């Protein structure tokens, strides 16, 4: 069994507001020595937003005027044949992240004197990616019979390539599959069944040999994500502390099989970051854990099988100083919790 007893060590979702990759990586590795994550830099380039960043190599994809879509008017036969050939051979060599799409990734890989317990990466999940990337008519490609089948398989190859690259830094890898659009499950905005969601996530997960996590930064039907083979569930414990606690049976089962809860306890807006302190966030975290303990989950288990993170990516926080304060609060909170309880 993969070891997910992180004891509330800190890490991040991925994005930062920095434009300079070296500066961003320096901040990450300063505050997150145990589990650093490569920084996604959406302010640096449109190519680094979480949907464009993983689009290279997808059949028919077009990026133009800061827009991304798939052109179904072109003949995709050869591209689709090549993709399925690669997929069947599990050949992910064509499904890379290029430096212009992920400057922080390459700067991170080149860093020296790191001695982490694990390294973290991330890929946009098939539900969110397939709903956001549309065809030329504006319809999400997830609803296209052909392209919808490609999406999770494509992201699986992307995750495999990234994991192999990160494993050169440390053999203990964590790859998060980011699914912000899961907040729309059950609404008219998402015409997908529970079974379809689980199937797509599992397809993507099969490309991850190490620890796999899933992130959703709002309210969702957590029983769906807890049903998958993920090792880590990350949720926004700052704004939606009670949302996961509505599923005590599923959470108990998840933890009993060695699962880990990622507590997104650091806010991601500058105003909240500036008003919070380590002490106030400690109180907030303990308060977020209390509904679970009332439902029979041992407090020590929540601490031992926990990670601390921001509620979501820090890219939209506005300024670099605000992001760096969030990282400092995160590191200080982790140290405080670990000193008190471990």
C-alpha atoms as a PDB file:
ATOM      1  CA  UNK A   1       0.000   0.000   0.000  1.00  0.00           C
ATOM      2  CA  UNK A   2       1.253   3.494  -0.854  1.00  0.00           C
ATOM      3  CA  UNK A   3       2.112   5.515   2.245  1.00  0.00           C
ATOM      4  CA  UNK A   4      -0.292   8.439   2.579  1.00  0.00           C
ATOM      5  CA  UNK A   5       0.367   9.119   6.266  1.00  0.00           C
ATOM      6  CA  UNK A   6       1.629  12.609   5.595  1.00  0.00           C
ATOM      7  CA  UNK A   7       0.879  13.957   9.065  1.00  0.00           C
ATOM      8  CA  UNK A   8      -0.504  17.265   7.743  1.00  0.00           C
ATOM      9  CA  UNK A   9       2.584  18.211   5.749  1.00  0.00           C
ATOM     10  CA  UNK A  10       1.990  21.188   3.430  1.00  0.00           C
ATOM     11  CA  UNK A  11       1.819  21.338  -0.355  1.00  0.00           C
ATOM     12  CA  UNK A  12      -0.102  23.339  -2.990  1.00  0.00           C
ATOM     13  CA  UNK A  13      -2.596  22.760  -5.783  1.00  0.00           C
ATOM     14  CA  UNK A  14      -0.365  24.286  -8.457  1.00  0.00           C
ATOM     15  CA  UNK A  15      -0.934  27.807  -9.740  1.00  0.00           C
ATOM     16  CA  UNK A  16       0.855  30.928  -8.529  1.00  0.00           C
ATOM     17  CA  UNK A  17       0.472  34.575  -9.664  1.00  0.00           C
ATOM     18  CA  UNK A  18       4.181  34.896 -10.470  1.00  0.00           C
ATOM     19  CA  UNK A  19       5.438  35.509 -14.007  1.00  0.00           C
ATOM     20  CA  UNK A  20       9.051  34.553 -13.343  1.00  0.00           C
ATOM     21  CA  UNK A  21       9.471  30.781 -13.092  1.00  0.00           C
ATOM     22  CA  UNK A  22      12.683  30.911 -11.059  1.00  0.00           C
ATOM     23  CA  UNK A  23      11.097  33.180  -8.444  1.00  0.00           C
ATOM     24  CA  UNK A  24       7.994  30.977  -8.257  1.00  0.00           C
ATOM     25  CA  UNK A  25      10.055  27.811  -7.805  1.00  0.00           C
ATOM     26  CA  UNK A  26      12.210  29.498  -5.162  1.00  0.00           C
ATOM     27  CA  UNK A  27       9.088  30.336  -3.127  1.00  0.00           C
ATOM     28  CA  UNK A  28       7.694  26.809  -3.465  1.00  0.00           C
ATOM     29  CA  UNK A  29      10.881  25.085  -2.415  1.00  0.00           C
ATOM     30  CA  UNK A  30      11.482  27.536   0.439  1.00  0.00           C
ATOM     31  CA  UNK A  31       8.099  26.997   2.098  1.00  0.00           C
ATOM     32  CA  UNK A  32       7.324  23.450   0.953  1.00  0.00           C
ATOM     33  CA  UNK A  33      10.532  21.535   1.495  1.00  0.00           C
ATOM     34  CA  UNK A  34       8.860  18.170   2.131  1.00  0.00           C
ATOM     35  CA  UNK A  35       6.371  18.086  -0.747  1.00  0.00           C
ATOM     36  CA  UNK A  36       7.171  20.805  -3.293  1.00  0.00           C
ATOM     37  CA  UNK A  37       4.970  21.094  -6.384  1.00  0.00           C
ATOM     38  CA  UNK A  38       5.884  22.598  -9.726  1.00  0.00           C
ATOM     39  CA  UNK A  39       4.189  25.976 -10.231  1.00  0.00           C
ATOM     40  CA  UNK A  40       1.691  26.690 -12.977  1.00  0.00           C
ATOM     41  CA  UNK A  41       1.989  30.344 -14.071  1.00  0.00           C
ATOM     42  CA  UNK A  42      -1.212  31.461 -15.839  1.00  0.00           C
ATOM     43  CA  UNK A  43      -0.247  35.159 -15.619  1.00  0.00           C
ATOM     44  CA  UNK A  44       2.902  34.420 -17.602  1.00  0.00           C
ATOM     45  CA  UNK A  45       1.041  33.141 -20.662  1.00  0.00           C
ATOM     46  CA  UNK A  46      -2.377  31.979 -21.833  1.00  0.00           C
ATOM     47  CA  UNK A  47      -0.656  28.685 -22.653  1.00  0.00           C
ATOM     48  CA  UNK A  48      -0.217  28.127 -18.913  1.00  0.00           C
ATOM     49  CA  UNK A  49      -3.886  28.244 -17.983  1.00  0.00           C
ATOM     50  CA  UNK A  50      -5.027  24.838 -16.759  1.00  0.00           C
ATOM     51  CA  UNK A  51      -6.881  23.974 -19.966  1.00  0.00           C
ATOM     52  CA  UNK A  52      -4.431  25.198 -22.612  1.00  0.00           C
ATOM     53  CA  UNK A  53      -1.476  23.782 -20.656  1.00  0.00           C
ATOM     54  CA  UNK A  54      -2.470  20.165 -21.274  1.00  0.00           C
ATOM     55  CA  UNK A  55      -3.774  20.584 -24.817  1.00  0.00           C
ATOM     56  CA  UNK A  56      -0.600  19.893 -26.822  1.00  0.00           C
ATOM     57  CA  UNK A  57      -1.026  16.856 -28.999  1.00  0.00           C
ATOM     58  CA  UNK A  58      -4.811  16.597 -28.773  1.00  0.00           C
ATOM     59  CA  UNK A  59      -6.313  15.802 -32.212  1.00  0.00           C
ATOM     60  CA  UNK A  60      -7.566  18.934 -33.933  1.00  0.00           C
ATOM     61  CA  UNK A  61      -6.789  21.365 -31.126  1.00  0.00           C
ATOM     62  CA  UNK A  62      -6.493  25.054 -32.058  1.00  0.00           C
ATOM     63  CA  UNK A  63      -5.176  27.875 -29.869  1.00  0.00           C
ATOM     64  CA  UNK A  64      -5.754  31.312 -31.350  1.00  0.00           C
ATOM     65  CA  UNK A  65      -6.314  34.787 -29.871  1.00  0.00           C
ATOM     66  CA  UNK A  66      -6.237  33.405 -26.318  1.00  0.00           C
ATOM     67  CA  UNK A  67      -8.980  30.937 -27.147  1.00  0.00           C
ATOM     68  CA  UNK A  68      -8.789  27.162 -27.332  1.00  0.00           C
ATOM     69  CA  UNK A  69     -11.086  24.782 -29.187  1.00  0.00           C
ATOM     70  CA  UNK A  70     -11.067  21.650 -31.333  1.00  0.00           C
ATOM     71  CA  UNK A  71     -11.757  22.163 -35.044  1.00  0.00           C
ATOM     72  CA  UNK A  72     -13.960  19.253 -36.173  1.00  0.00           C
ATOM     73  CA  UNK A  73     -14.065  20.655 -39.723  1.00  0.00           C
ATOM     74  CA  UNK A  74     -10.570  19.342 -40.414  1.00  0.00           C
ATOM     75  CA  UNK A  75      -9.933  15.683 -41.206  1.00  0.00           C
ATOM     76  CA  UNK A  76      -8.784  14.182 -37.907  1.00  0.00           C
ATOM     77  CA  UNK A  77      -8.408  10.616 -39.177  1.00  0.00           C
ATOM     78  CA  UNK A  78      -4.602  10.468 -39.179  1.00  0.00           C
ATOM     79  CA  UNK A  79      -4.271  12.278 -35.845  1.00  0.00           C
ATOM     80  CA  UNK A  80      -6.782   9.945 -34.226  1.00  0.00           C
ATOM     81  CA  UNK A  81      -5.063   6.871 -35.679  1.00  0.00           C
ATOM     82  CA  UNK A  82      -1.725   8.048 -34.294  1.00  0.00           C
ATOM     83  CA  UNK A  83      -3.263   8.758 -30.906  1.00  0.00           C
ATOM     84  CA  UNK A  84      -4.862   5.344 -30.547  1.00  0.00           C
ATOM     85  CA  UNK A  85      -1.653   3.658 -31.716  1.00  0.00           C
ATOM     86  CA  UNK A  86       0.241   5.491 -28.961  1.00  0.00           C
ATOM     87  CA  UNK A  87      -2.464   4.766 -26.419  1.00  0.00           C
ATOM     88  CA  UNK A  88      -2.545   1.033 -27.126  1.00  0.00           C
ATOM     89  CA  UNK A  89       1.251   0.911 -26.825  1.00  0.00           C
ATOM     90  CA  UNK A  90       1.187   3.110 -23.707  1.00  0.00           C
ATOM     91  CA  UNK A  91       3.682   5.330 -25.534  1.00  0.00           C
ATOM     92  CA  UNK A  92       3.461   8.742 -23.865  1.00  0.00           C
ATOM     93  CA  UNK A  93       6.572  10.207 -25.501  1.00  0.00           C
ATOM     94  CA  UNK A  94       4.469  12.503 -27.733  1.00  0.00           C
ATOM     95  CA  UNK A  95       2.354  13.791 -24.833  1.00  0.00           C
ATOM     96  CA  UNK A  96       4.791  16.155 -23.220  1.00  0.00           C
ATOM     97  CA  UNK A  97       4.591  19.570 -21.610  1.00  0.00           C
ATOM     98  CA  UNK A  98       6.663  21.996 -23.690  1.00  0.00           C
ATOM     99  CA  UNK A  99       8.659  24.769 -21.973  1.00  0.00           C
ATOM    100  CA  UNK A 100       6.443  27.504 -23.458  1.00  0.00           C
ATOM    101  CA  UNK A 101       3.425  25.774 -21.904  1.00  0.00           C
ATOM    102  CA  UNK A 102       5.002  25.067 -18.509  1.00  0.00           C
ATOM    103  CA  UNK A 103       8.024  27.185 -17.656  1.00  0.00           C
ATOM    104  CA  UNK A 104       7.694  26.387 -13.960  1.00  0.00           C
ATOM    105  CA  UNK A 105       7.806  22.662 -14.653  1.00  0.00           C
ATOM    106  CA  UNK A 106      11.201  22.809 -16.345  1.00  0.00           C
ATOM    107  CA  UNK A 107      12.661  25.241 -13.824  1.00  0.00           C
ATOM    108  CA  UNK A 108      11.452  22.922 -11.065  1.00  0.00           C
ATOM    109  CA  UNK A 109      13.036  19.863 -12.709  1.00  0.00           C
ATOM    110  CA  UNK A 110      16.372  21.677 -12.946  1.00  0.00           C
ATOM    111  CA  UNK A 111      16.504  22.644  -9.268  1.00  0.00           C
ATOM    112  CA  UNK A 112      19.316  21.220  -7.194  1.00  0.00           C
ATOM    113  CA  UNK A 113      19.793  20.465  -3.485  1.00  0.00           C
ATOM    114  CA  UNK A 114      16.202  19.423  -3.039  1.00  0.00           C
ATOM    115  CA  UNK A 115      15.650  16.650  -0.527  1.00  0.00           C
ATOM    116  CA  UNK A 116      11.875  16.205  -0.479  1.00  0.00           C
ATOM    117  CA  UNK A 117       9.830  13.319   0.844  1.00  0.00           C
ATOM    118  CA  UNK A 118       7.764  13.464  -2.351  1.00  0.00           C
ATOM    119  CA  UNK A 119       7.217  15.737  -5.343  1.00  0.00           C
ATOM    120  CA  UNK A 120       3.788  16.799  -6.587  1.00  0.00           C
ATOM    121  CA  UNK A 121       2.448  17.406 -10.056  1.00  0.00           C
ATOM    122  CA  UNK A 122      -1.000  18.022 -11.481  1.00  0.00           C
ATOM    123  CA  UNK A 123      -3.104  17.512 -14.562  1.00  0.00           C
ATOM    124  CA  UNK A 124      -6.542  18.908 -15.394  1.00  0.00           C
ATOM    125  CA  UNK A 125      -9.194  16.232 -14.968  1.00  0.00           C
ATOM    126  CA  UNK A 126     -11.162  14.761 -17.879  1.00  0.00           C
ATOM    127  CA  UNK A 127     -14.538  16.127 -16.758  1.00  0.00           C
ATOM    128  CA  UNK A 128     -13.323  19.719 -16.383  1.00  0.00           C
ATOM    129  CA  UNK A 129     -11.091  19.590 -19.467  1.00  0.00           C
ATOM    130  CA  UNK A 130     -13.717  17.969 -21.664  1.00  0.00           C
ATOM    131  CA  UNK A 131     -16.416  20.445 -20.639  1.00  0.00           C
ATOM    132  CA  UNK A 132     -14.193  23.511 -21.044  1.00  0.00           C
ATOM    133  CA  UNK A 133     -12.615  22.598 -24.384  1.00  0.00           C
ATOM    134  CA  UNK A 134     -15.317  22.933 -27.032  1.00  0.00           C
ATOM    135  CA  UNK A 135     -15.655  22.191 -30.716  1.00  0.00           C
ATOM    136  CA  UNK A 136     -16.047  25.003 -33.231  1.00  0.00           C
ATOM    137  CA  UNK A 137     -19.777  25.252 -32.392  1.00  0.00           C
ATOM    138  CA  UNK A 138     -19.143  25.796 -28.668  1.00  0.00           C
ATOM    139  CA  UNK A 139     -20.191  22.306 -27.546  1.00  0.00           C
ATOM    140  CA  UNK A 140     -17.991  20.627 -24.929  1.00  0.00           C
ATOM    141  CA  UNK A 141     -15.966  17.888 -26.625  1.00  0.00           C
ATOM    142  CA  UNK A 142     -16.793  15.521 -23.786  1.00  0.00           C
ATOM    143  CA  UNK A 143     -20.199  15.092 -25.483  1.00  0.00           C
ATOM    144  CA  UNK A 144     -18.626  14.202 -28.844  1.00  0.00           C
ATOM    145  CA  UNK A 145     -18.756  10.424 -29.343  1.00  0.00           C
ATOM    146  CA  UNK A 146     -15.217  10.219 -30.738  1.00  0.00           C
ATOM    147  CA  UNK A 147     -13.396  13.032 -28.964  1.00  0.00           C
ATOM    148  CA  UNK A 148     -15.128  12.328 -25.647  1.00  0.00           C
ATOM    149  CA  UNK A 149     -13.515   8.884 -25.686  1.00  0.00           C
ATOM    150  CA  UNK A 150     -10.105  10.424 -26.384  1.00  0.00           C
ATOM    151  CA  UNK A 151     -10.152  12.939 -23.490  1.00  0.00           C
ATOM    152  CA  UNK A 152      -9.470  10.673 -20.469  1.00  0.00           C
ATOM    153  CA  UNK A 153      -7.065   8.495 -22.469  1.00  0.00           C
ATOM    154  CA  UNK A 154      -5.163  11.593 -23.630  1.00  0.00           C
ATOM    155  CA  UNK A 155      -4.908  12.977 -20.088  1.00  0.00           C
ATOM    156  CA  UNK A 156      -3.794   9.558 -18.889  1.00  0.00           C
ATOM    157  CA  UNK A 157      -0.793   9.757 -21.264  1.00  0.00           C
ATOM    158  CA  UNK A 158      -0.107  13.347 -20.155  1.00  0.00           C
ATOM    159  CA  UNK A 159      -0.102  12.243 -16.508  1.00  0.00           C
ATOM    160  CA  UNK A 160       2.213   9.302 -17.256  1.00  0.00           C
ATOM    161  CA  UNK A 161       4.752  11.474 -19.043  1.00  0.00           C
ATOM    162  CA  UNK A 162       4.714  14.059 -16.250  1.00  0.00           C
ATOM    163  CA  UNK A 163       5.052  11.454 -13.516  1.00  0.00           C
ATOM    164  CA  UNK A 164       8.051   9.854 -15.217  1.00  0.00           C
ATOM    165  CA  UNK A 165       9.744  13.267 -15.512  1.00  0.00           C
ATOM    166  CA  UNK A 166       9.065  14.139 -11.855  1.00  0.00           C
ATOM    167  CA  UNK A 167      10.312  10.746 -10.666  1.00  0.00           C
ATOM    168  CA  UNK A 168      13.836  11.805 -11.654  1.00  0.00           C
ATOM    169  CA  UNK A 169      13.677  14.290  -8.756  1.00  0.00           C
ATOM    170  CA  UNK A 170      12.165  11.818  -6.317  1.00  0.00           C
ATOM    171  CA  UNK A 171      10.709   8.333  -6.749  1.00  0.00           C
ATOM    172  CA  UNK A 172       7.786   9.288  -4.483  1.00  0.00           C
ATOM    173  CA  UNK A 173       5.414  11.138  -6.795  1.00  0.00           C
ATOM    174  CA  UNK A 174       1.966  12.619  -6.214  1.00  0.00           C
ATOM    175  CA  UNK A 175      -0.168  13.604  -9.198  1.00  0.00           C
ATOM    176  CA  UNK A 176      -3.404  15.505  -8.611  1.00  0.00           C
ATOM    177  CA  UNK A 177      -6.232  15.336 -11.126  1.00  0.00           C
ATOM    178  CA  UNK A 178      -7.929  18.732 -10.843  1.00  0.00           C
ATOM    179  CA  UNK A 179     -11.711  18.693 -11.271  1.00  0.00           C
ATOM    180  CA  UNK A 180     -13.199  22.115 -10.437  1.00  0.00           C
ATOM    181  CA  UNK A 181     -16.166  21.414 -12.742  1.00  0.00           C
ATOM    182  CA  UNK A 182     -17.341  18.619 -10.448  1.00  0.00           C
ATOM    183  CA  UNK A 183     -19.165  21.381  -8.563  1.00  0.00           C
ATOM    184  CA  UNK A 184     -21.643  21.344 -11.480  1.00  0.00           C
ATOM    185  CA  UNK A 185     -22.437  17.638 -11.176  1.00  0.00           C
ATOM    186  CA  UNK A 186     -26.179  17.043 -11.118  1.00  0.00           C
ATOM    187  CA  UNK A 187     -26.960  20.400 -12.717  1.00  0.00           C
ATOM    188  CA  UNK A 188     -28.074  21.188 -16.250  1.00  0.00           C
ATOM    189  CA  UNK A 189     -24.506  22.342 -16.944  1.00  0.00           C
ATOM    190  CA  UNK A 190     -23.211  18.749 -16.723  1.00  0.00           C
ATOM    191  CA  UNK A 191     -25.106  16.035 -18.554  1.00  0.00           C
ATOM    192  CA  UNK A 192     -22.950  13.171 -17.318  1.00  0.00           C
ATOM    193  CA  UNK A 193     -23.908  10.212 -15.179  1.00  0.00           C
ATOM    194  CA  UNK A 194     -22.153   9.099 -12.024  1.00  0.00           C
ATOM    195  CA  UNK A 195     -20.862   6.043 -13.905  1.00  0.00           C
ATOM    196  CA  UNK A 196     -19.434   8.166 -16.730  1.00  0.00           C
ATOM    197  CA  UNK A 197     -17.584  10.430 -14.280  1.00  0.00           C
ATOM    198  CA  UNK A 198     -16.078   7.494 -12.365  1.00  0.00           C
ATOM    199  CA  UNK A 199     -15.086   5.730 -15.591  1.00  0.00           C
ATOM    200  CA  UNK A 200     -13.311   8.815 -16.991  1.00  0.00           C
ATOM    201  CA  UNK A 201     -11.444   9.456 -13.752  1.00  0.00           C
ATOM    202  CA  UNK A 202     -10.374   5.829 -13.464  1.00  0.00           C
ATOM    203  CA  UNK A 203      -9.082   5.891 -17.046  1.00  0.00           C
ATOM    204  CA  UNK A 204      -6.937   8.920 -16.238  1.00  0.00           C
ATOM    205  CA  UNK A 205      -5.784   7.408 -12.924  1.00  0.00           C
ATOM    206  CA  UNK A 206      -4.427   4.318 -14.693  1.00  0.00           C
ATOM    207  CA  UNK A 207      -1.624   6.506 -16.033  1.00  0.00           C
ATOM    208  CA  UNK A 208      -0.424   7.277 -12.491  1.00  0.00           C
ATOM    209  CA  UNK A 209       1.773   4.655 -10.802  1.00  0.00           C
ATOM    210  CA  UNK A 210       2.458   6.643  -7.630  1.00  0.00           C
ATOM    211  CA  UNK A 211       0.063   8.468  -5.338  1.00  0.00           C
ATOM    212  CA  UNK A 212      -2.933   9.979  -7.098  1.00  0.00           C
ATOM    213  CA  UNK A 213      -5.172  12.728  -5.808  1.00  0.00           C
ATOM    214  CA  UNK A 214      -8.313  14.484  -6.942  1.00  0.00           C
ATOM    215  CA  UNK A 215      -9.070  18.150  -6.269  1.00  0.00           C
ATOM    216  CA  UNK A 216     -12.409  19.934  -6.297  1.00  0.00           C
ATOM    217  CA  UNK A 217     -12.574  23.405  -4.796  1.00  0.00           C
ATOM    218  CA  UNK A 218     -16.311  23.701  -4.178  1.00  0.00           C
ATOM    219  CA  UNK A 219     -19.383  21.755  -3.177  1.00  0.00           C
ATOM    220  CA  UNK A 220     -19.937  18.447  -4.966  1.00  0.00           C
ATOM    221  CA  UNK A 221     -21.274  14.939  -4.490  1.00  0.00           C
ATOM    222  CA  UNK A 222     -18.176  13.657  -2.704  1.00  0.00           C
ATOM    223  CA  UNK A 223     -19.472  10.089  -2.705  1.00  0.00           C
ATOM    224  CA  UNK A 224     -18.589   9.928  -6.417  1.00  0.00           C
ATOM    225  CA  UNK A 225     -14.951  10.924  -5.921  1.00  0.00           C
ATOM    226  CA  UNK A 226     -14.651   8.772  -2.783  1.00  0.00           C
ATOM    227  CA  UNK A 227     -15.846   5.829  -4.892  1.00  0.00           C
ATOM    228  CA  UNK A 228     -12.826   6.067  -7.192  1.00  0.00           C
ATOM    229  CA  UNK A 229      -9.369   4.597  -6.565  1.00  0.00           C
ATOM    230  CA  UNK A 230      -7.867   7.978  -5.653  1.00  0.00           C
ATOM    231  CA  UNK A 231      -5.453   8.064  -2.695  1.00  0.00           C
ATOM    232  CA  UNK A 232      -6.112  11.725  -1.794  1.00  0.00           C
ATOM    233  CA  UNK A 233      -9.301  13.782  -1.731  1.00  0.00           C
ATOM    234  CA  UNK A 234      -8.683  17.542  -1.607  1.00  0.00           C
ATOM    235  CA  UNK A 235     -11.509  19.901  -0.686  1.00  0.00           C
ATOM    236  CA  UNK A 236     -12.011  23.540   0.257  1.00  0.00           C
ATOM    237  CA  UNK A 237     -12.066  23.284   4.049  1.00  0.00           C
ATOM    238  CA  UNK A 238     -11.975  27.081   4.388  1.00  0.00           C
ATOM    239  CA  UNK A 239     -15.347  27.867   2.782  1.00  0.00           C
ATOM    240  CA  UNK A 240     -16.990  24.448   2.544  1.00  0.00           C
ATOM    241  CA  UNK A 241     -15.831  22.727   5.724  1.00  0.00           C
ATOM    242  CA  UNK A 242     -19.064  20.778   6.184  1.00  0.00           C
ATOM    243  CA  UNK A 243     -19.403  19.532   2.600  1.00  0.00           C
ATOM    244  CA  UNK A 244     -17.214  16.424   2.919  1.00  0.00           C
ATOM    245  CA  UNK A 245     -18.518  15.608   6.408  1.00  0.00           C
ATOM    246  CA  UNK A 246     -21.930  14.880   4.867  1.00  0.00           C
ATOM    247  CA  UNK A 247     -20.475  11.546   3.710  1.00  0.00           C
ATOM    248  CA  UNK A 248     -19.164   9.942   6.936  1.00  0.00           C
ATOM    249  CA  UNK A 249     -19.603   6.321   5.831  1.00  0.00           C
ATOM    250  CA  UNK A 250     -17.728   6.878   2.573  1.00  0.00           C
ATOM    251  CA  UNK A 251     -14.985   8.907   4.317  1.00  0.00           C
ATOM    252  CA  UNK A 252     -14.475   6.168   6.935  1.00  0.00           C
ATOM    253  CA  UNK A 253     -14.144   3.557   4.194  1.00  0.00           C
ATOM    254  CA  UNK A 254     -11.748   5.825   2.272  1.00  0.00           C
ATOM    255  CA  UNK A 255      -9.527   6.367   5.316  1.00  0.00           C
ATOM    256  CA  UNK A 256      -9.631   2.687   6.275  1.00  0.00           C
ATOM    257  CA  UNK A 257      -8.123   1.771   2.918  1.00  0.00           C
ATOM    258  CA  UNK A 258      -5.300   4.228   3.512  1.00  0.00           C
ATOM    259  CA  UNK A 259      -6.781   7.328   1.892  1.00  0.00           C
ATOM    260  CA  UNK A 260      -5.651  10.853   2.759  1.00  0.00           C
ATOM    261  CA  UNK A 261      -7.715  14.035   3.119  1.00  0.00           C
ATOM    262  CA  UNK A 262      -6.215  17.218   1.711  1.00  0.00           C
ATOM    263  CA  UNK A 263      -7.519  20.041   3.903  1.00  0.00           C
ATOM    264  CA  UNK A 264      -7.749  23.186   1.761  1.00  0.00           C
ATOM    265  CA  UNK A 265      -7.601  25.431   4.795  1.00  0.00           C
ATOM    266  CA  UNK A 266      -5.620  28.410   3.453  1.00  0.00           C
ATOM    267  CA  UNK A 267      -7.860  30.974   1.722  1.00  0.00           C
ATOM    268  CA  UNK A 268      -7.036  32.034  -1.828  1.00  0.00           C
ATOM    269  CA  UNK A 269      -8.182  35.651  -1.823  1.00  0.00           C
ATOM    270  CA  UNK A 270      -5.850  38.420  -0.661  1.00  0.00           C
ATOM    271  CA  UNK A 271      -8.284  39.975   1.824  1.00  0.00           C
ATOM    272  CA  UNK A 272      -8.758  36.725   3.747  1.00  0.00           C
ATOM    273  CA  UNK A 273      -5.070  35.825   3.594  1.00  0.00           C
ATOM    274  CA  UNK A 274      -4.124  39.173   5.077  1.00  0.00           C
ATOM    275  CA  UNK A 275      -6.588  38.938   7.976  1.00  0.00           C
ATOM    276  CA  UNK A 276      -5.858  35.312   8.967  1.00  0.00           C
ATOM    277  CA  UNK A 277      -3.088  34.212  11.335  1.00  0.00           C
ATOM    278  CA  UNK A 278      -1.575  30.825  12.095  1.00  0.00           C
ATOM    279  CA  UNK A 279      -3.637  30.707  15.307  1.00  0.00           C
ATOM    280  CA  UNK A 280      -6.919  31.585  13.590  1.00  0.00           C
ATOM    281  CA  UNK A 281      -6.322  28.987  10.886  1.00  0.00           C
ATOM    282  CA  UNK A 282      -5.442  26.355  13.490  1.00  0.00           C
ATOM    283  CA  UNK A 283      -8.802  27.009  15.153  1.00  0.00           C
ATOM    284  CA  UNK A 284     -10.530  26.861  11.797  1.00  0.00           C
ATOM    285  CA  UNK A 285      -8.862  23.569  10.866  1.00  0.00           C
ATOM    286  CA  UNK A 286      -9.749  21.940  14.182  1.00  0.00           C
ATOM    287  CA  UNK A 287     -13.307  23.189  13.759  1.00  0.00           C
ATOM    288  CA  UNK A 288     -13.422  21.704  10.229  1.00  0.00           C
ATOM    289  CA  UNK A 289     -12.295  18.345  11.620  1.00  0.00           C
ATOM    290  CA  UNK A 290     -14.830  18.248  14.461  1.00  0.00           C
ATOM    291  CA  UNK A 291     -17.843  17.037  12.387  1.00  0.00           C
ATOM    292  CA  UNK A 292     -15.770  14.002  11.367  1.00  0.00           C
ATOM    293  CA  UNK A 293     -14.773  13.163  14.934  1.00  0.00           C
ATOM    294  CA  UNK A 294     -18.416  13.486  16.045  1.00  0.00           C
ATOM    295  CA  UNK A 295     -19.227  10.832  13.451  1.00  0.00           C
ATOM    296  CA  UNK A 296     -16.690   8.391  14.833  1.00  0.00           C
ATOM    297  CA  UNK A 297     -13.521   9.148  12.884  1.00  0.00           C
ATOM    298  CA  UNK A 298     -10.541   9.418  15.272  1.00  0.00           C
ATOM    299  CA  UNK A 299      -8.946  12.872  15.383  1.00  0.00           C
ATOM    300  CA  UNK A 300      -5.459  11.357  15.251  1.00  0.00           C
ATOM    301  CA  UNK A 301      -6.368   9.551  12.051  1.00  0.00           C
ATOM    302  CA  UNK A 302      -7.421  12.835  10.445  1.00  0.00           C
ATOM    303  CA  UNK A 303      -4.071  14.358  11.420  1.00  0.00           C
ATOM    304  CA  UNK A 304      -1.940  11.398  10.373  1.00  0.00           C
ATOM    305  CA  UNK A 305      -3.793  10.804   7.086  1.00  0.00           C
ATOM    306  CA  UNK A 306      -3.949  14.484   6.223  1.00  0.00           C
ATOM    307  CA  UNK A 307      -2.279  17.058   4.011  1.00  0.00           C
ATOM    308  CA  UNK A 308      -2.610  20.838   4.363  1.00  0.00           C
ATOM    309  CA  UNK A 309      -3.075  22.959   1.253  1.00  0.00           C
ATOM    310  CA  UNK A 310      -4.629  26.192   0.034  1.00  0.00           C
ATOM    311  CA  UNK A 311      -8.321  25.853  -0.820  1.00  0.00           C
ATOM    312  CA  UNK A 312      -7.494  26.081  -4.530  1.00  0.00           C
ATOM    313  CA  UNK A 313      -4.720  27.389  -6.763  1.00  0.00           C
ATOM    314  CA  UNK A 314      -3.070  30.644  -5.714  1.00  0.00           C
ATOM    315  CA  UNK A 315      -2.879  31.992  -9.278  1.00  0.00           C
ATOM    316  CA  UNK A 316      -5.958  34.251  -8.934  1.00  0.00           C
ATOM    317  CA  UNK A 317      -4.901  35.687  -5.550  1.00  0.00           C
ATOM    318  CA  UNK A 318      -3.772  38.886  -7.255  1.00  0.00           C
ATOM    319  CA  UNK A 319      -0.257  39.633  -6.070  1.00  0.00           C
ATOM    320  CA  UNK A 320       2.965  37.804  -5.420  1.00  0.00           C
ATOM    321  CA  UNK A 321       3.210  39.091  -1.808  1.00  0.00           C
ATOM    322  CA  UNK A 322      -0.293  37.760  -1.066  1.00  0.00           C
ATOM    323  CA  UNK A 323       0.645  34.356  -2.505  1.00  0.00           C
ATOM    324  CA  UNK A 324       3.859  34.300  -0.502  1.00  0.00           C
ATOM    325  CA  UNK A 325       1.962  35.149   2.695  1.00  0.00           C
ATOM    326  CA  UNK A 326      -0.406  32.265   1.929  1.00  0.00           C
ATOM    327  CA  UNK A 327       2.593  29.940   1.559  1.00  0.00           C
ATOM    328  CA  UNK A 328       4.054  31.174   4.846  1.00  0.00           C
ATOM    329  CA  UNK A 329       0.748  30.663   6.662  1.00  0.00           C
ATOM    330  CA  UNK A 330       0.538  27.179   5.171  1.00  0.00           C
ATOM    331  CA  UNK A 331       4.046  26.218   6.287  1.00  0.00           C
ATOM    332  CA  UNK A 332       3.593  27.740   9.763  1.00  0.00           C
ATOM    333  CA  UNK A 333       0.213  26.064  10.275  1.00  0.00           C
ATOM    334  CA  UNK A 334       1.628  22.673   9.301  1.00  0.00           C
ATOM    335  CA  UNK A 335       4.546  23.091  11.710  1.00  0.00           C
ATOM    336  CA  UNK A 336       2.170  24.114  14.516  1.00  0.00           C
ATOM    337  CA  UNK A 337      -0.201  21.173  13.959  1.00  0.00           C
ATOM    338  CA  UNK A 338       2.626  18.659  13.680  1.00  0.00           C
ATOM    339  CA  UNK A 339       4.331  19.938  16.817  1.00  0.00           C
ATOM    340  CA  UNK A 340       1.123  19.754  18.839  1.00  0.00           C
ATOM    341  CA  UNK A 341      -0.298  16.443  17.660  1.00  0.00           C
ATOM    342  CA  UNK A 342       2.499  14.263  16.269  1.00  0.00           C
END
